[in-house]
C-alpha atoms as a PDB file:
ATOM      1  CA  UNK A   1       0.125  -0.216  -0.201  1.00  0.00           C
ATOM      2  CA  UNK A   2       1.562   3.316  -0.982  1.00  0.00           C
ATOM      3  CA  UNK A   3       1.994   6.041   1.653  1.00  0.00           C
ATOM      4  CA  UNK A   4      -0.504   8.625   1.798  1.00  0.00           C
ATOM      5  CA  UNK A   5       0.414  12.443   0.826  1.00  0.00           C
ATOM      6  CA  UNK A   6       0.653  13.050   4.484  1.00  0.00           C
ATOM      7  CA  UNK A   7       2.485  10.188   5.317  1.00  0.00           C
ATOM      8  CA  UNK A   8       4.845  11.539   2.999  1.00  0.00           C
ATOM      9  CA  UNK A   9       5.153  14.801   4.199  1.00  0.00           C
ATOM     10  CA  UNK A  10       5.628  13.472   7.525  1.00  0.00           C
ATOM     11  CA  UNK A  11       8.577  11.049   6.843  1.00  0.00           C
ATOM     12  CA  UNK A  12      10.200  14.247   4.811  1.00  0.00           C
ATOM     13  CA  UNK A  13       9.885  16.081   8.033  1.00  0.00           C
ATOM     14  CA  UNK A  14      11.058  13.270  10.238  1.00  0.00           C
ATOM     15  CA  UNK A  15      14.265  12.865   7.687  1.00  0.00           C
ATOM     16  CA  UNK A  16      15.108  16.811   7.719  1.00  0.00           C
ATOM     17  CA  UNK A  17      14.794  16.629  11.527  1.00  0.00           C
ATOM     18  CA  UNK A  18      17.181  13.773  11.712  1.00  0.00           C
ATOM     19  CA  UNK A  19      19.951  15.425   9.543  1.00  0.00           C
ATOM     20  CA  UNK A  20      19.596  18.690  11.409  1.00  0.00           C
ATOM     21  CA  UNK A  21      20.402  16.668  14.381  1.00  0.00           C
ATOM     22  CA  UNK A  22      23.497  15.417  12.905  1.00  0.00           C
ATOM     23  CA  UNK A  23      24.521  18.784  11.716  1.00  0.00           C
ATOM     24  CA  UNK A  24      24.522  19.433  15.449  1.00  0.00           C
ATOM     25  CA  UNK A  25      26.179  16.342  16.477  1.00  0.00           C
ATOM     26  CA  UNK A  26      23.303  14.239  18.026  1.00  0.00           C
ATOM     27  CA  UNK A  27      22.305  10.952  16.310  1.00  0.00           C
ATOM     28  CA  UNK A  28      18.459  10.593  16.644  1.00  0.00           C
ATOM     29  CA  UNK A  29      16.402   7.595  15.737  1.00  0.00           C
ATOM     30  CA  UNK A  30      13.547   7.959  13.317  1.00  0.00           C
ATOM     31  CA  UNK A  31      11.320   6.862  16.219  1.00  0.00           C
ATOM     32  CA  UNK A  32      12.380   9.301  18.792  1.00  0.00           C
ATOM     33  CA  UNK A  33      11.818  11.817  15.918  1.00  0.00           C
ATOM     34  CA  UNK A  34       8.467  10.431  15.337  1.00  0.00           C
ATOM     35  CA  UNK A  35       7.622  10.690  18.723  1.00  0.00           C
ATOM     36  CA  UNK A  36       8.600  14.220  19.092  1.00  0.00           C
ATOM     37  CA  UNK A  37       6.683  15.442  16.298  1.00  0.00           C
ATOM     38  CA  UNK A  38       3.786  13.808  17.738  1.00  0.00           C
ATOM     39  CA  UNK A  39       4.239  15.361  21.165  1.00  0.00           C
ATOM     40  CA  UNK A  40       5.003  18.617  19.628  1.00  0.00           C
ATOM     41  CA  UNK A  41       1.950  18.472  17.244  1.00  0.00           C
ATOM     42  CA  UNK A  42      -0.609  17.534  19.738  1.00  0.00           C
ATOM     43  CA  UNK A  43       0.445  20.086  22.355  1.00  0.00           C
ATOM     44  CA  UNK A  44      -1.941  22.928  22.173  1.00  0.00           C
ATOM     45  CA  UNK A  45       0.444  25.443  23.181  1.00  0.00           C
ATOM     46  CA  UNK A  46       2.174  25.270  20.171  1.00  0.00           C
ATOM     47  CA  UNK A  47      -0.876  26.603  18.392  1.00  0.00           C
ATOM     48  CA  UNK A  48      -0.953  23.693  15.399  1.00  0.00           C
ATOM     49  CA  UNK A  49      -4.509  23.781  13.865  1.00  0.00           C
ATOM     50  CA  UNK A  50      -5.876  20.324  13.663  1.00  0.00           C
ATOM     51  CA  UNK A  51      -8.585  21.506  11.305  1.00  0.00           C
ATOM     52  CA  UNK A  52      -6.054  22.444   8.084  1.00  0.00           C
ATOM     53  CA  UNK A  53      -3.144  21.467   6.004  1.00  0.00           C
ATOM     54  CA  UNK A  54       0.179  22.367   7.496  1.00  0.00           C
ATOM     55  CA  UNK A  55       1.402  25.375   5.600  1.00  0.00           C
ATOM     56  CA  UNK A  56       5.410  25.859   4.902  1.00  0.00           C
ATOM     57  CA  UNK A  57       5.486  28.177   7.679  1.00  0.00           C
ATOM     58  CA  UNK A  58       3.934  25.518  10.066  1.00  0.00           C
ATOM     59  CA  UNK A  59       6.476  22.719   8.918  1.00  0.00           C
ATOM     60  CA  UNK A  60       9.352  25.175   9.634  1.00  0.00           C
ATOM     61  CA  UNK A  61       7.979  25.923  12.823  1.00  0.00           C
ATOM     62  CA  UNK A  62       7.415  22.264  13.606  1.00  0.00           C
ATOM     63  CA  UNK A  63      11.154  21.515  12.394  1.00  0.00           C
ATOM     64  CA  UNK A  64      12.056  24.304  14.765  1.00  0.00           C
ATOM     65  CA  UNK A  65      10.208  23.051  17.824  1.00  0.00           C
ATOM     66  CA  UNK A  66      11.520  19.555  17.585  1.00  0.00           C
ATOM     67  CA  UNK A  67      15.116  20.466  16.929  1.00  0.00           C
ATOM     68  CA  UNK A  68      14.899  22.493  20.273  1.00  0.00           C
ATOM     69  CA  UNK A  69      13.763  19.591  22.470  1.00  0.00           C
ATOM     70  CA  UNK A  70      15.646  16.977  20.771  1.00  0.00           C
ATOM     71  CA  UNK A  71      19.003  18.745  21.311  1.00  0.00           C
ATOM     72  CA  UNK A  72      18.118  19.905  24.599  1.00  0.00           C
ATOM     73  CA  UNK A  73      19.852  16.940  26.536  1.00  0.00           C
ATOM     74  CA  UNK A  74      19.491  18.389  30.054  1.00  0.00           C
ATOM     75  CA  UNK A  75      15.525  18.546  29.836  1.00  0.00           C
ATOM     76  CA  UNK A  76      14.096  15.608  31.902  1.00  0.00           C
ATOM     77  CA  UNK A  77      11.276  15.370  29.475  1.00  0.00           C
ATOM     78  CA  UNK A  78      13.607  14.238  26.763  1.00  0.00           C
ATOM     79  CA  UNK A  79      14.469  11.315  28.710  1.00  0.00           C
ATOM     80  CA  UNK A  80      10.563  10.725  29.230  1.00  0.00           C
ATOM     81  CA  UNK A  81      10.108  10.446  25.591  1.00  0.00           C
ATOM     82  CA  UNK A  82      13.316   8.526  25.234  1.00  0.00           C
ATOM     83  CA  UNK A  83      11.830   5.937  27.914  1.00  0.00           C
ATOM     84  CA  UNK A  84       8.296   5.723  26.052  1.00  0.00           C
ATOM     85  CA  UNK A  85      10.115   5.084  22.904  1.00  0.00           C
ATOM     86  CA  UNK A  86      12.268   2.495  24.299  1.00  0.00           C
ATOM     87  CA  UNK A  87       9.256   1.027  26.123  1.00  0.00           C
ATOM     88  CA  UNK A  88       7.105   0.936  22.893  1.00  0.00           C
ATOM     89  CA  UNK A  89       9.996  -0.697  20.933  1.00  0.00           C
ATOM     90  CA  UNK A  90      10.181  -3.139  23.492  1.00  0.00           C
ATOM     91  CA  UNK A  91       7.258  -4.275  24.689  1.00  0.00           C
ATOM     92  CA  UNK A  92       4.561  -3.526  22.003  1.00  0.00           C
ATOM     93  CA  UNK A  93       4.456  -5.358  18.284  1.00  0.00           C
ATOM     94  CA  UNK A  94       6.805  -3.428  16.401  1.00  0.00           C
ATOM     95  CA  UNK A  95       5.294  -4.128  13.068  1.00  0.00           C
ATOM     96  CA  UNK A  96       2.638  -1.784  14.308  1.00  0.00           C
ATOM     97  CA  UNK A  97       3.773   0.974  16.268  1.00  0.00           C
ATOM     98  CA  UNK A  98       5.940   2.887  13.363  1.00  0.00           C
ATOM     99  CA  UNK A  99       2.738   2.569  11.424  1.00  0.00           C
ATOM    100  CA  UNK A 100       0.466   3.752  14.221  1.00  0.00           C
ATOM    101  CA  UNK A 101       2.832   6.906  14.674  1.00  0.00           C
ATOM    102  CA  UNK A 102       2.539   8.187  11.105  1.00  0.00           C
ATOM    103  CA  UNK A 103      -1.158   7.345  10.933  1.00  0.00           C
ATOM    104  CA  UNK A 104      -1.699   9.386  14.219  1.00  0.00           C
ATOM    105  CA  UNK A 105       0.395  12.328  12.934  1.00  0.00           C
ATOM    106  CA  UNK A 106      -0.874  12.130   9.330  1.00  0.00           C
ATOM    107  CA  UNK A 107      -4.549  12.301  10.866  1.00  0.00           C
ATOM    108  CA  UNK A 108      -3.706  15.556  12.884  1.00  0.00           C
ATOM    109  CA  UNK A 109      -1.589  17.193   9.807  1.00  0.00           C
ATOM    110  CA  UNK A 110      -3.898  16.523   6.903  1.00  0.00           C
ATOM    111  CA  UNK A 111      -6.789  18.443   6.194  1.00  0.00           C
ATOM    112  CA  UNK A 112     -10.588  16.951   7.397  1.00  0.00           C
ATOM    113  CA  UNK A 113     -12.502  15.969   4.697  1.00  0.00           C
ATOM    114  CA  UNK A 114     -15.889  17.736   5.602  1.00  0.00           C
END
């Protein structure tokens, strides 16, 4: 089954964040990045509107927010997310989890059809 447009955009965002982290000397797994993207998008204080498609400025803001959180290695919330990723990768069905993450993020990023 080919990825939807929203899933392709998410994969692109995840790759971009991974490359930016590498430039700053941090190697971050795509799974951790996907969790971070989900956390940032779902956090109401970040102002992402779930009822419309992300604009280029929204994507830039999303990347900036994720980068700030992923590079803040002294923040305990990053450790919490890392533990969540570890748990999910080791104690849940590995085949289902990445698809679930992508579909959940995709739902919130793509425009809702009326």
